[in-house]
Structures are given as C-alpha cells and as structure tokens.
Amino acid sequence: MLNLNAFDAGTLRLFHEVAESGSITAAGELLGYTQSAVSRRIAALERAAGGPLFERLARGVRLTPAGAALHRHAVAVLDRLERAGEELAAIHGGGGGTLRVGAFATANVGLVPETFKRFAERRPGVELRLVEGLIARLMERLRSGALDVAVISDYPSGLSAYGTPTVLLHEDRLLVALPAGHRLAGGDDVDLRELAGERWIEAAPRGQPTLLQAACAAAGFAPRSGLRVAEWSGKFGFVAAGLGVTLVPELAAQAVPPHLVLRPLRGLAPARKVYAALPETPLPAALELVEMLGEWKTCTTASPI
C-alpha cells in the first residue's frame, strides 16, 4: 500500500524534473539541490511507491513502467496545483474566483444589474452569483459565509442588530405613484398633505412603523388604509385602476409602467438608506463591487405623463 505522506508537492516536482531531464544531477541543479540530496529523496519516494521508479543507466536515468505511471499522475497533480495557485492569486488580486452577492428585490431593478454589467466588463474573470431575498435572510447568509456582499436597507428595522461592516451606498427617496389622470399628476412634485384623503396601496409589516406613517404624521395626518398588496406589479395595477396611490422607491422607478406617473414629494419626504454589508475580511473583488455600487446613479425620478 502506498505511503501517501511521501507524495508531497515538492517531491513530485523533483521526481518530475528528474524524469524530464533524465538526470539526477541536472534536476538538482535546476531546483537547487545537491546530487546526494536528490538521490536520497528519489530513494525515499521509491520505497513509498513499492519499487524502482528509475532505471540507473551509465549516463543518467530513465523511467521504469511504474515510474512512467506515477509520472502521468505527477504531471496532472502539479498542473492542478499550478492552476490552483493561479486561481488563488486571481481571487486575492480581485480578478478571479466567484463573488456571491445578495440583494433585496428593488435593488435588483437597476442598481445591482447595471453594476454587475460594469463590473463584468472590468473583471471578466470573476463569476458573479446573485441571491435575492429579504434583508434579514441575506444577513444570515452573510454571517454564515454564504455571501460575500449583501445589499440591504435600513427599512423597516434599522441596522443595529446586524453587527457587520456596512458601507452607505445611497439615500433612496420614496416617490408617489399616481394614475395618469390623477388631479396631482400634472405638477412637478406633490405635497404629502395633498394626499391626506387618498387610499394607500401597500403591504407594510404588521405591527412595525413605516416610513409612510412617519412622514404622514410629520405632515399632520394619518394615512388612510387601502388594499394590502405585496408585489410591485400588483400595486401598479391597483393604482392604474384608480383604487389608490402607493409609494415607490427611487431604486425601482424605471420599472414603473408608463401609464402611471411618479412624482417626488415636497417637504419631509420619506426616504431609506441603502447599504452594502460585508464580512469582517472582505474579498478584494467585493470591495471593488461595493465601490461601483456607490457610483451608480438613479436613472429617473419621474415617469412621463
């Protein structure tokens, strides 16, 4: 049975050089060993292999059948180790490997895909993978090591419970989506107090304060409850039907259908902050992606009428 402890990478490389050069002396000179040191290591390798690996000739050596079999495997192992070294160097240099990114849904409308495109053009050797999910779940995956970057926001529960390094990316304004024929659709912006009588289409977490409630309270009224709809496409449908209005994050503005109108809110407009969360020791590629996420600019703040 083979003694696998003898088949370390250094010994396999020495064995390979002897096989390629046909000379113990030449292999030793190439790798910086004396002839006697090479002979001792080859002899130890032959004992571990269970028999001779080289025929000793008058001038040099040549592989035995067993040596030729081992040499094929040695070449494969050394090639894999070389490729592993190149891959590790690329990962540590930010130019290779896999980057696992998590993001909440509205970040995947424009912020993340457009940044992915720019990043892929700059770092084509890095494979990008995406996980979409709720912020709490993304942070669980980040803490467990299953993600390298998580794009999160401070809505609705803040960031204090997460305890990981974060980088502020953007302040994401919340805009109001109105049906095209709405009485306020023709203005450049809307005073929140003008919407005091409107029904609001939303699906806020039960029992938790919302940005809408806080903004309306600051404006002197409580928002009128309407239909509870979670999916954005559904919210847009009910707004288009004239059954209420809804808030839309500026991150998602470009996904709003053209038959709705987006308008910014004057005064104490509700907003959330968007962050990138990182592990304690982030990959260079993760830091570069976060920098690019921070450079992204919102494409639009208002839909055409």
C-alpha atoms as a PDB file:
ATOM      1  CA  MET A   1       0.000   0.000   0.000  1.00  0.00           C
ATOM      2  CA  LEU A   2       1.296   3.452  -0.906  1.00  0.00           C
ATOM      3  CA  ASN A   3       2.594   5.758   1.795  1.00  0.00           C
ATOM      4  CA  LEU A   4       0.795   8.903   0.630  1.00  0.00           C
ATOM      5  CA  ASN A   5       2.735  11.109   3.047  1.00  0.00           C
ATOM      6  CA  ALA A   6       5.773  10.738   0.769  1.00  0.00           C
ATOM      7  CA  PHE A   7       3.937  12.211  -2.221  1.00  0.00           C
ATOM      8  CA  ASP A   8       4.178  15.877  -1.287  1.00  0.00           C
ATOM      9  CA  ALA A   9       4.262  18.543  -3.986  1.00  0.00           C
ATOM     10  CA  GLY A  10       7.975  19.245  -3.579  1.00  0.00           C
ATOM     11  CA  THR A  11       8.909  15.606  -4.003  1.00  0.00           C
ATOM     12  CA  LEU A  12       6.608  15.194  -7.012  1.00  0.00           C
ATOM     13  CA  ARG A  13       8.195  18.253  -8.646  1.00  0.00           C
ATOM     14  CA  LEU A  14      11.665  16.831  -8.016  1.00  0.00           C
ATOM     15  CA  PHE A  15      10.559  13.478  -9.447  1.00  0.00           C
ATOM     16  CA  HIS A  16       9.100  15.252 -12.496  1.00  0.00           C
ATOM     17  CA  GLU A  17      12.323  17.172 -13.180  1.00  0.00           C
ATOM     18  CA  VAL A  18      14.413  14.009 -12.927  1.00  0.00           C
ATOM     19  CA  ALA A  19      12.023  12.248 -15.319  1.00  0.00           C
ATOM     20  CA  GLU A  20      12.055  15.133 -17.797  1.00  0.00           C
ATOM     21  CA  SER A  21      15.799  15.715 -17.758  1.00  0.00           C
ATOM     22  CA  GLY A  22      16.842  12.063 -17.386  1.00  0.00           C
ATOM     23  CA  SER A  23      19.470  13.222 -14.924  1.00  0.00           C
ATOM     24  CA  ILE A  24      19.591  13.404 -11.142  1.00  0.00           C
ATOM     25  CA  THR A  25      22.402  15.942 -11.357  1.00  0.00           C
ATOM     26  CA  ALA A  26      20.560  18.210 -13.817  1.00  0.00           C
ATOM     27  CA  ALA A  27      17.360  18.111 -11.744  1.00  0.00           C
ATOM     28  CA  GLY A  28      19.301  19.019  -8.615  1.00  0.00           C
ATOM     29  CA  GLU A  29      20.994  21.963 -10.315  1.00  0.00           C
ATOM     30  CA  LEU A  30      17.653  23.249 -11.607  1.00  0.00           C
ATOM     31  CA  LEU A  31      15.969  23.050  -8.200  1.00  0.00           C
ATOM     32  CA  GLY A  32      18.959  23.964  -6.047  1.00  0.00           C
ATOM     33  CA  TYR A  33      19.676  20.541  -4.504  1.00  0.00           C
ATOM     34  CA  THR A  34      22.862  18.543  -4.315  1.00  0.00           C
ATOM     35  CA  GLN A  35      23.063  15.283  -6.227  1.00  0.00           C
ATOM     36  CA  SER A  36      23.122  13.292  -2.990  1.00  0.00           C
ATOM     37  CA  ALA A  37      20.025  15.099  -1.666  1.00  0.00           C
ATOM     38  CA  VAL A  38      18.108  14.321  -4.874  1.00  0.00           C
ATOM     39  CA  SER A  39      19.202  10.675  -4.740  1.00  0.00           C
ATOM     40  CA  ARG A  40      18.005  10.337  -1.134  1.00  0.00           C
ATOM     41  CA  ARG A  41      14.597  11.814  -1.893  1.00  0.00           C
ATOM     42  CA  ILE A  42      14.134   9.656  -5.004  1.00  0.00           C
ATOM     43  CA  ALA A  43      15.108   6.576  -2.987  1.00  0.00           C
ATOM     44  CA  ALA A  44      12.543   7.501  -0.298  1.00  0.00           C
ATOM     45  CA  LEU A  45       9.907   8.004  -2.985  1.00  0.00           C
ATOM     46  CA  GLU A  46      10.688   4.597  -4.481  1.00  0.00           C
ATOM     47  CA  ARG A  47      10.287   2.936  -1.073  1.00  0.00           C
ATOM     48  CA  ALA A  48       6.920   4.653  -0.656  1.00  0.00           C
ATOM     49  CA  ALA A  49       5.900   3.604  -4.194  1.00  0.00           C
ATOM     50  CA  GLY A  50       6.791  -0.024  -3.517  1.00  0.00           C
ATOM     51  CA  GLY A  51       9.582  -0.416  -6.076  1.00  0.00           C
ATOM     52  CA  PRO A  52      12.001   1.237  -8.525  1.00  0.00           C
ATOM     53  CA  LEU A  53      10.802   4.272 -10.456  1.00  0.00           C
ATOM     54  CA  PHE A  54      14.021   4.771 -12.489  1.00  0.00           C
ATOM     55  CA  GLU A  55      16.499   2.558 -14.229  1.00  0.00           C
ATOM     56  CA  ARG A  56      20.041   3.691 -13.431  1.00  0.00           C
ATOM     57  CA  LEU A  57      21.983   3.971 -16.686  1.00  0.00           C
ATOM     58  CA  ALA A  58      25.621   4.653 -17.407  1.00  0.00           C
ATOM     59  CA  ARG A  59      24.650   8.225 -18.207  1.00  0.00           C
ATOM     60  CA  GLY A  60      21.533   9.350 -16.369  1.00  0.00           C
ATOM     61  CA  VAL A  61      18.265   7.564 -15.588  1.00  0.00           C
ATOM     62  CA  ARG A  62      15.014   6.613 -17.331  1.00  0.00           C
ATOM     63  CA  LEU A  63      11.568   5.785 -16.049  1.00  0.00           C
ATOM     64  CA  THR A  64      10.508   2.232 -15.283  1.00  0.00           C
ATOM     65  CA  PRO A  65       6.927   1.260 -16.203  1.00  0.00           C
ATOM     66  CA  ALA A  66       5.931   2.055 -12.604  1.00  0.00           C
ATOM     67  CA  GLY A  67       7.789   5.356 -12.837  1.00  0.00           C
ATOM     68  CA  ALA A  68       6.000   6.233 -16.089  1.00  0.00           C
ATOM     69  CA  ALA A  69       2.631   5.526 -14.446  1.00  0.00           C
ATOM     70  CA  LEU A  70       3.484   7.696 -11.461  1.00  0.00           C
ATOM     71  CA  HIS A  71       4.832  10.421 -13.742  1.00  0.00           C
ATOM     72  CA  ARG A  72       1.486  10.723 -15.537  1.00  0.00           C
ATOM     73  CA  HIS A  73      -0.243  11.306 -12.218  1.00  0.00           C
ATOM     74  CA  ALA A  74       2.504  13.639 -11.000  1.00  0.00           C
ATOM     75  CA  VAL A  75       2.107  15.830 -14.085  1.00  0.00           C
ATOM     76  CA  ALA A  76      -1.651  16.019 -13.511  1.00  0.00           C
ATOM     77  CA  VAL A  77      -1.235  16.856  -9.812  1.00  0.00           C
ATOM     78  CA  LEU A  78       1.393  19.530 -10.479  1.00  0.00           C
ATOM     79  CA  ASP A  79      -0.754  21.030 -13.217  1.00  0.00           C
ATOM     80  CA  ARG A  80      -3.759  21.205 -10.863  1.00  0.00           C
ATOM     81  CA  LEU A  81      -1.633  22.787  -8.150  1.00  0.00           C
ATOM     82  CA  GLU A  82      -0.321  25.363 -10.604  1.00  0.00           C
ATOM     83  CA  ARG A  83      -3.843  26.213 -11.709  1.00  0.00           C
ATOM     84  CA  ALA A  84      -4.932  26.378  -8.057  1.00  0.00           C
ATOM     85  CA  GLY A  85      -2.139  28.837  -7.379  1.00  0.00           C
ATOM     86  CA  GLU A  86      -3.177  30.969 -10.340  1.00  0.00           C
ATOM     87  CA  GLU A  87      -6.806  30.921  -9.223  1.00  0.00           C
ATOM     88  CA  LEU A  88      -5.910  31.854  -5.648  1.00  0.00           C
ATOM     89  CA  ALA A  89      -3.707  34.683  -6.884  1.00  0.00           C
ATOM     90  CA  ALA A  90      -6.597  35.925  -9.036  1.00  0.00           C
ATOM     91  CA  ILE A  91      -9.011  35.774  -6.091  1.00  0.00           C
ATOM     92  CA  HIS A  92      -6.633  37.600  -3.766  1.00  0.00           C
ATOM     93  CA  GLY A  93      -5.923  40.111  -6.516  1.00  0.00           C
ATOM     94  CA  GLY A  94      -9.627  40.687  -7.227  1.00  0.00           C
ATOM     95  CA  GLY A  95      -9.503  39.359 -10.782  1.00  0.00           C
ATOM     96  CA  GLY A  96     -10.885  35.833 -10.456  1.00  0.00           C
ATOM     97  CA  GLY A  97     -12.992  33.399  -8.458  1.00  0.00           C
ATOM     98  CA  THR A  98     -16.678  33.650  -7.603  1.00  0.00           C
ATOM     99  CA  LEU A  99     -18.373  36.642  -5.975  1.00  0.00           C
ATOM    100  CA  ARG A 100     -21.654  35.836  -4.223  1.00  0.00           C
ATOM    101  CA  VAL A 101     -23.943  38.845  -3.886  1.00  0.00           C
ATOM    102  CA  GLY A 102     -27.277  39.102  -2.104  1.00  0.00           C
ATOM    103  CA  ALA A 103     -29.772  41.921  -2.655  1.00  0.00           C
ATOM    104  CA  PHE A 104     -33.331  42.865  -1.770  1.00  0.00           C
ATOM    105  CA  ALA A 105     -35.885  42.954  -4.581  1.00  0.00           C
ATOM    106  CA  THR A 106     -35.966  46.629  -5.566  1.00  0.00           C
ATOM    107  CA  ALA A 107     -32.164  46.809  -5.634  1.00  0.00           C
ATOM    108  CA  ASN A 108     -32.378  44.305  -8.486  1.00  0.00           C
ATOM    109  CA  VAL A 109     -34.331  46.678 -10.737  1.00  0.00           C
ATOM    110  CA  GLY A 110     -31.396  48.890 -11.683  1.00  0.00           C
ATOM    111  CA  LEU A 111     -28.721  49.217  -9.014  1.00  0.00           C
ATOM    112  CA  VAL A 112     -27.431  45.640  -8.950  1.00  0.00           C
ATOM    113  CA  PRO A 113     -27.865  44.583 -12.618  1.00  0.00           C
ATOM    114  CA  GLU A 114     -26.318  47.747 -14.019  1.00  0.00           C
ATOM    115  CA  THR A 115     -23.421  47.495 -11.553  1.00  0.00           C
ATOM    116  CA  PHE A 116     -22.982  43.811 -12.432  1.00  0.00           C
ATOM    117  CA  LYS A 117     -22.692  44.785 -16.097  1.00  0.00           C
ATOM    118  CA  ARG A 118     -19.976  47.363 -15.410  1.00  0.00           C
ATOM    119  CA  PHE A 119     -18.150  45.033 -13.045  1.00  0.00           C
ATOM    120  CA  ALA A 120     -18.205  42.160 -15.554  1.00  0.00           C
ATOM    121  CA  GLU A 121     -16.696  44.424 -18.190  1.00  0.00           C
ATOM    122  CA  ARG A 122     -13.914  45.410 -15.812  1.00  0.00           C
ATOM    123  CA  ARG A 123     -13.371  41.988 -14.187  1.00  0.00           C
ATOM    124  CA  PRO A 124     -14.393  39.328 -16.720  1.00  0.00           C
ATOM    125  CA  GLY A 125     -12.554  36.632 -14.765  1.00  0.00           C
ATOM    126  CA  VAL A 126     -14.853  36.965 -11.743  1.00  0.00           C
ATOM    127  CA  GLU A 127     -18.025  34.868 -11.793  1.00  0.00           C
ATOM    128  CA  LEU A 128     -20.949  36.792 -10.300  1.00  0.00           C
ATOM    129  CA  ARG A 129     -23.743  34.976  -8.499  1.00  0.00           C
ATOM    130  CA  LEU A 130     -26.908  36.579  -7.129  1.00  0.00           C
ATOM    131  CA  VAL A 131     -29.270  35.675  -4.311  1.00  0.00           C
ATOM    132  CA  GLU A 132     -32.461  37.718  -3.874  1.00  0.00           C
ATOM    133  CA  GLY A 133     -34.192  37.755  -0.528  1.00  0.00           C
ATOM    134  CA  LEU A 134     -35.478  39.635   2.480  1.00  0.00           C
ATOM    135  CA  ILE A 135     -32.868  41.634   4.319  1.00  0.00           C
ATOM    136  CA  ALA A 136     -32.858  39.517   7.491  1.00  0.00           C
ATOM    137  CA  ARG A 137     -32.260  36.346   5.462  1.00  0.00           C
ATOM    138  CA  LEU A 138     -29.492  37.984   3.428  1.00  0.00           C
ATOM    139  CA  MET A 139     -27.711  38.990   6.627  1.00  0.00           C
ATOM    140  CA  GLU A 140     -27.986  35.446   7.971  1.00  0.00           C
ATOM    141  CA  ARG A 141     -26.317  34.168   4.804  1.00  0.00           C
ATOM    142  CA  LEU A 142     -23.610  36.830   5.012  1.00  0.00           C
ATOM    143  CA  ARG A 143     -22.795  35.953   8.625  1.00  0.00           C
ATOM    144  CA  SER A 144     -22.690  32.227   7.799  1.00  0.00           C
ATOM    145  CA  GLY A 145     -20.184  32.811   4.978  1.00  0.00           C
ATOM    146  CA  ALA A 146     -22.630  32.023   2.157  1.00  0.00           C
ATOM    147  CA  LEU A 147     -22.452  35.575   0.738  1.00  0.00           C
ATOM    148  CA  ASP A 148     -19.548  37.927   0.042  1.00  0.00           C
ATOM    149  CA  VAL A 149     -21.666  41.111  -0.219  1.00  0.00           C
ATOM    150  CA  ALA A 150     -25.235  41.895   0.846  1.00  0.00           C
ATOM    151  CA  VAL A 151     -27.109  44.931  -0.486  1.00  0.00           C
ATOM    152  CA  ILE A 152     -29.547  45.912   2.257  1.00  0.00           C
ATOM    153  CA  SER A 153     -31.524  48.889   3.538  1.00  0.00           C
ATOM    154  CA  ASP A 154     -32.375  50.252   6.967  1.00  0.00           C
ATOM    155  CA  TYR A 155     -36.123  49.793   6.348  1.00  0.00           C
ATOM    156  CA  PRO A 156     -38.034  48.737   8.332  1.00  0.00           C
ATOM    157  CA  SER A 157     -35.920  47.651  11.314  1.00  0.00           C
ATOM    158  CA  GLY A 158     -32.644  49.562  11.037  1.00  0.00           C
ATOM    159  CA  LEU A 159     -29.139  48.108  11.030  1.00  0.00           C
ATOM    160  CA  SER A 160     -28.170  47.936  14.703  1.00  0.00           C
ATOM    161  CA  ALA A 161     -28.947  44.232  15.064  1.00  0.00           C
ATOM    162  CA  TYR A 162     -26.704  43.042  12.254  1.00  0.00           C
ATOM    163  CA  GLY A 163     -23.258  43.840  13.664  1.00  0.00           C
ATOM    164  CA  THR A 164     -21.312  43.583  10.395  1.00  0.00           C
ATOM    165  CA  PRO A 165     -19.300  46.200   8.496  1.00  0.00           C
ATOM    166  CA  THR A 166     -21.516  48.322   6.239  1.00  0.00           C
ATOM    167  CA  VAL A 167     -20.916  50.954   3.583  1.00  0.00           C
ATOM    168  CA  LEU A 168     -23.570  53.584   2.845  1.00  0.00           C
ATOM    169  CA  LEU A 169     -24.395  53.474  -0.869  1.00  0.00           C
ATOM    170  CA  HIS A 170     -27.402  55.718  -1.461  1.00  0.00           C
ATOM    171  CA  GLU A 171     -30.305  57.515   0.118  1.00  0.00           C
ATOM    172  CA  ASP A 172     -33.329  56.072  -1.633  1.00  0.00           C
ATOM    173  CA  ARG A 173     -36.216  58.540  -1.843  1.00  0.00           C
ATOM    174  CA  LEU A 174     -39.746  57.227  -1.879  1.00  0.00           C
ATOM    175  CA  LEU A 175     -41.833  58.698  -4.696  1.00  0.00           C
ATOM    176  CA  VAL A 176     -45.595  58.649  -5.043  1.00  0.00           C
ATOM    177  CA  ALA A 177     -47.143  56.701  -7.917  1.00  0.00           C
ATOM    178  CA  LEU A 178     -50.355  58.189  -9.274  1.00  0.00           C
ATOM    179  CA  PRO A 179     -52.757  57.167 -12.045  1.00  0.00           C
ATOM    180  CA  ALA A 180     -52.146  59.208 -15.201  1.00  0.00           C
ATOM    181  CA  GLY A 181     -55.458  61.084 -14.812  1.00  0.00           C
ATOM    182  CA  HIS A 182     -54.954  61.982 -11.157  1.00  0.00           C
ATOM    183  CA  ARG A 183     -55.601  65.608 -10.162  1.00  0.00           C
ATOM    184  CA  LEU A 184     -51.972  65.982  -8.970  1.00  0.00           C
ATOM    185  CA  ALA A 185     -50.294  64.220 -11.890  1.00  0.00           C
ATOM    186  CA  GLY A 186     -49.570  67.412 -13.806  1.00  0.00           C
ATOM    187  CA  GLY A 187     -47.300  69.040 -11.200  1.00  0.00           C
ATOM    188  CA  ASP A 188     -43.548  68.728 -10.825  1.00  0.00           C
ATOM    189  CA  ASP A 189     -43.912  67.396  -7.293  1.00  0.00           C
ATOM    190  CA  VAL A 190     -46.588  66.720  -4.690  1.00  0.00           C
ATOM    191  CA  ASP A 191     -47.087  67.988  -1.161  1.00  0.00           C
ATOM    192  CA  LEU A 192     -47.800  64.954   1.004  1.00  0.00           C
ATOM    193  CA  ARG A 193     -50.626  66.840   2.728  1.00  0.00           C
ATOM    194  CA  GLU A 194     -52.470  66.956  -0.598  1.00  0.00           C
ATOM    195  CA  LEU A 195     -52.747  63.152  -0.378  1.00  0.00           C
ATOM    196  CA  ALA A 196     -54.380  63.101   3.053  1.00  0.00           C
ATOM    197  CA  GLY A 197     -57.663  61.753   1.663  1.00  0.00           C
ATOM    198  CA  GLU A 198     -56.135  59.100  -0.625  1.00  0.00           C
ATOM    199  CA  ARG A 199     -56.198  55.374  -0.032  1.00  0.00           C
ATOM    200  CA  TRP A 200     -52.717  53.856   0.104  1.00  0.00           C
ATOM    201  CA  ILE A 201     -51.892  50.567  -1.602  1.00  0.00           C
ATOM    202  CA  GLU A 202     -49.219  48.888   0.496  1.00  0.00           C
ATOM    203  CA  ALA A 203     -48.314  45.769   2.451  1.00  0.00           C
ATOM    204  CA  ALA A 204     -46.242  47.091   5.324  1.00  0.00           C
ATOM    205  CA  PRO A 205     -45.091  44.657   8.039  1.00  0.00           C
ATOM    206  CA  ARG A 206     -47.825  44.375  10.655  1.00  0.00           C
ATOM    207  CA  GLY A 207     -47.011  45.983  13.970  1.00  0.00           C
ATOM    208  CA  GLN A 208     -43.988  47.900  12.651  1.00  0.00           C
ATOM    209  CA  PRO A 209     -43.852  51.632  11.951  1.00  0.00           C
ATOM    210  CA  THR A 210     -43.443  52.541   8.306  1.00  0.00           C
ATOM    211  CA  LEU A 211     -41.806  55.442   6.503  1.00  0.00           C
ATOM    212  CA  LEU A 212     -45.236  56.396   5.148  1.00  0.00           C
ATOM    213  CA  GLN A 213     -46.753  56.573   8.631  1.00  0.00           C
ATOM    214  CA  ALA A 214     -43.848  58.619   9.960  1.00  0.00           C
ATOM    215  CA  ALA A 215     -43.954  61.051   7.023  1.00  0.00           C
ATOM    216  CA  CYS A 216     -47.724  61.456   7.246  1.00  0.00           C
ATOM    217  CA  ALA A 217     -47.532  62.017  11.000  1.00  0.00           C
ATOM    218  CA  ALA A 218     -44.962  64.781  10.417  1.00  0.00           C
ATOM    219  CA  ALA A 219     -47.369  66.296   7.864  1.00  0.00           C
ATOM    220  CA  GLY A 220     -50.186  66.260  10.411  1.00  0.00           C
ATOM    221  CA  PHE A 221     -52.381  63.331   9.370  1.00  0.00           C
ATOM    222  CA  ALA A 222     -52.617  59.537   9.436  1.00  0.00           C
ATOM    223  CA  PRO A 223     -52.558  57.703   6.074  1.00  0.00           C
ATOM    224  CA  ARG A 224     -55.855  56.184   5.013  1.00  0.00           C
ATOM    225  CA  SER A 225     -55.622  52.422   4.746  1.00  0.00           C
ATOM    226  CA  GLY A 226     -56.392  50.782   1.425  1.00  0.00           C
ATOM    227  CA  LEU A 227     -55.774  47.408  -0.149  1.00  0.00           C
ATOM    228  CA  ARG A 228     -52.872  45.277   1.090  1.00  0.00           C
ATOM    229  CA  VAL A 229     -50.802  44.270  -1.937  1.00  0.00           C
ATOM    230  CA  ALA A 230     -47.245  42.958  -1.612  1.00  0.00           C
ATOM    231  CA  GLU A 231     -45.992  42.576  -5.190  1.00  0.00           C
ATOM    232  CA  TRP A 232     -44.967  45.720  -7.044  1.00  0.00           C
ATOM    233  CA  SER A 233     -46.681  44.671 -10.253  1.00  0.00           C
ATOM    234  CA  GLY A 234     -49.912  44.241  -8.300  1.00  0.00           C
ATOM    235  CA  LYS A 235     -49.574  47.646  -6.642  1.00  0.00           C
ATOM    236  CA  PHE A 236     -49.111  49.264 -10.027  1.00  0.00           C
ATOM    237  CA  GLY A 237     -52.248  47.560 -11.324  1.00  0.00           C
ATOM    238  CA  PHE A 238     -54.432  48.840  -8.479  1.00  0.00           C
ATOM    239  CA  VAL A 239     -53.009  52.360  -8.786  1.00  0.00           C
ATOM    240  CA  ALA A 240     -53.639  52.333 -12.544  1.00  0.00           C
ATOM    241  CA  ALA A 241     -57.246  51.330 -11.828  1.00  0.00           C
ATOM    242  CA  GLY A 242     -57.664  54.431  -9.659  1.00  0.00           C
ATOM    243  CA  LEU A 243     -58.095  52.458  -6.424  1.00  0.00           C
ATOM    244  CA  GLY A 244     -55.359  54.265  -4.527  1.00  0.00           C
ATOM    245  CA  VAL A 245     -51.810  55.564  -4.614  1.00  0.00           C
ATOM    246  CA  THR A 246     -48.584  53.989  -3.456  1.00  0.00           C
ATOM    247  CA  LEU A 247     -45.005  54.834  -2.584  1.00  0.00           C
ATOM    248  CA  VAL A 248     -42.287  53.612  -4.935  1.00  0.00           C
ATOM    249  CA  PRO A 249     -38.577  53.546  -4.028  1.00  0.00           C
ATOM    250  CA  GLU A 250     -36.497  55.595  -6.422  1.00  0.00           C
ATOM    251  CA  LEU A 251     -34.402  52.460  -6.949  1.00  0.00           C
ATOM    252  CA  ALA A 252     -37.429  50.900  -8.640  1.00  0.00           C
ATOM    253  CA  ALA A 253     -38.510  53.968 -10.632  1.00  0.00           C
ATOM    254  CA  GLN A 254     -37.503  52.572 -14.013  1.00  0.00           C
ATOM    255  CA  ALA A 255     -39.779  49.551 -13.510  1.00  0.00           C
ATOM    256  CA  VAL A 256     -42.929  51.669 -13.180  1.00  0.00           C
ATOM    257  CA  PRO A 257     -45.180  51.236 -16.248  1.00  0.00           C
ATOM    258  CA  PRO A 258     -45.636  54.304 -18.478  1.00  0.00           C
ATOM    259  CA  HIS A 259     -49.363  54.653 -17.743  1.00  0.00           C
ATOM    260  CA  LEU A 260     -48.519  55.659 -14.156  1.00  0.00           C
ATOM    261  CA  VAL A 261     -46.947  58.920 -13.047  1.00  0.00           C
ATOM    262  CA  LEU A 262     -44.173  59.178 -10.468  1.00  0.00           C
ATOM    263  CA  ARG A 263     -43.737  62.409  -8.572  1.00  0.00           C
ATOM    264  CA  PRO A 264     -41.318  63.377  -5.801  1.00  0.00           C
ATOM    265  CA  LEU A 265     -42.776  64.586  -2.518  1.00  0.00           C
ATOM    266  CA  ARG A 266     -42.112  68.062  -1.188  1.00  0.00           C
ATOM    267  CA  GLY A 267     -41.014  68.791   2.338  1.00  0.00           C
ATOM    268  CA  LEU A 268     -40.479  65.886   4.714  1.00  0.00           C
ATOM    269  CA  ALA A 269     -40.285  63.258   2.002  1.00  0.00           C
ATOM    270  CA  PRO A 270     -39.845  59.685   3.256  1.00  0.00           C
ATOM    271  CA  ALA A 271     -36.521  58.029   2.404  1.00  0.00           C
ATOM    272  CA  ARG A 272     -34.498  54.981   3.349  1.00  0.00           C
ATOM    273  CA  LYS A 273     -30.773  54.339   3.262  1.00  0.00           C
ATOM    274  CA  VAL A 274     -29.215  51.572   1.166  1.00  0.00           C
ATOM    275  CA  TYR A 275     -26.039  49.878   2.362  1.00  0.00           C
ATOM    276  CA  ALA A 276     -23.591  47.190   1.336  1.00  0.00           C
ATOM    277  CA  ALA A 277     -22.803  44.782   4.154  1.00  0.00           C
ATOM    278  CA  LEU A 278     -19.505  42.879   4.126  1.00  0.00           C
ATOM    279  CA  PRO A 279     -17.817  40.151   6.156  1.00  0.00           C
ATOM    280  CA  GLU A 280     -15.013  41.105   8.525  1.00  0.00           C
ATOM    281  CA  THR A 281     -12.405  40.129   5.918  1.00  0.00           C
ATOM    282  CA  PRO A 282     -13.896  41.018   2.521  1.00  0.00           C
ATOM    283  CA  LEU A 283     -12.540  39.829  -0.800  1.00  0.00           C
ATOM    284  CA  PRO A 284     -10.831  42.462  -2.967  1.00  0.00           C
ATOM    285  CA  ALA A 285     -13.467  41.845  -5.653  1.00  0.00           C
ATOM    286  CA  ALA A 286     -16.199  42.504  -3.087  1.00  0.00           C
ATOM    287  CA  LEU A 287     -14.652  45.843  -2.154  1.00  0.00           C
ATOM    288  CA  GLU A 288     -14.410  46.799  -5.815  1.00  0.00           C
ATOM    289  CA  LEU A 289     -18.045  45.862  -6.439  1.00  0.00           C
ATOM    290  CA  VAL A 290     -19.162  47.904  -3.423  1.00  0.00           C
ATOM    291  CA  GLU A 291     -17.265  50.907  -4.733  1.00  0.00           C
ATOM    292  CA  MET A 292     -19.046  50.555  -8.067  1.00  0.00           C
ATOM    293  CA  LEU A 293     -22.430  50.165  -6.354  1.00  0.00           C
ATOM    294  CA  GLY A 294     -21.786  53.506  -4.679  1.00  0.00           C
ATOM    295  CA  GLU A 295     -21.095  55.139  -8.054  1.00  0.00           C
ATOM    296  CA  TRP A 296     -24.468  54.119  -9.515  1.00  0.00           C
ATOM    297  CA  LYS A 297     -26.876  56.939 -10.254  1.00  0.00           C
ATOM    298  CA  THR A 298     -30.661  56.658 -10.319  1.00  0.00           C
ATOM    299  CA  CYS A 299     -31.853  56.746 -13.910  1.00  0.00           C
ATOM    300  CA  THR A 300     -35.167  58.533 -13.411  1.00  0.00           C
ATOM    301  CA  THR A 301     -37.275  60.141 -10.728  1.00  0.00           C
ATOM    302  CA  ALA A 302     -40.466  60.688 -12.647  1.00  0.00           C
ATOM    303  CA  SER A 303     -42.420  58.827 -15.287  1.00  0.00           C
ATOM    304  CA  PRO A 304     -43.725  60.754 -18.277  1.00  0.00           C
ATOM    305  CA  ILE A 305     -47.344  61.820 -18.210  1.00  0.00           C
END
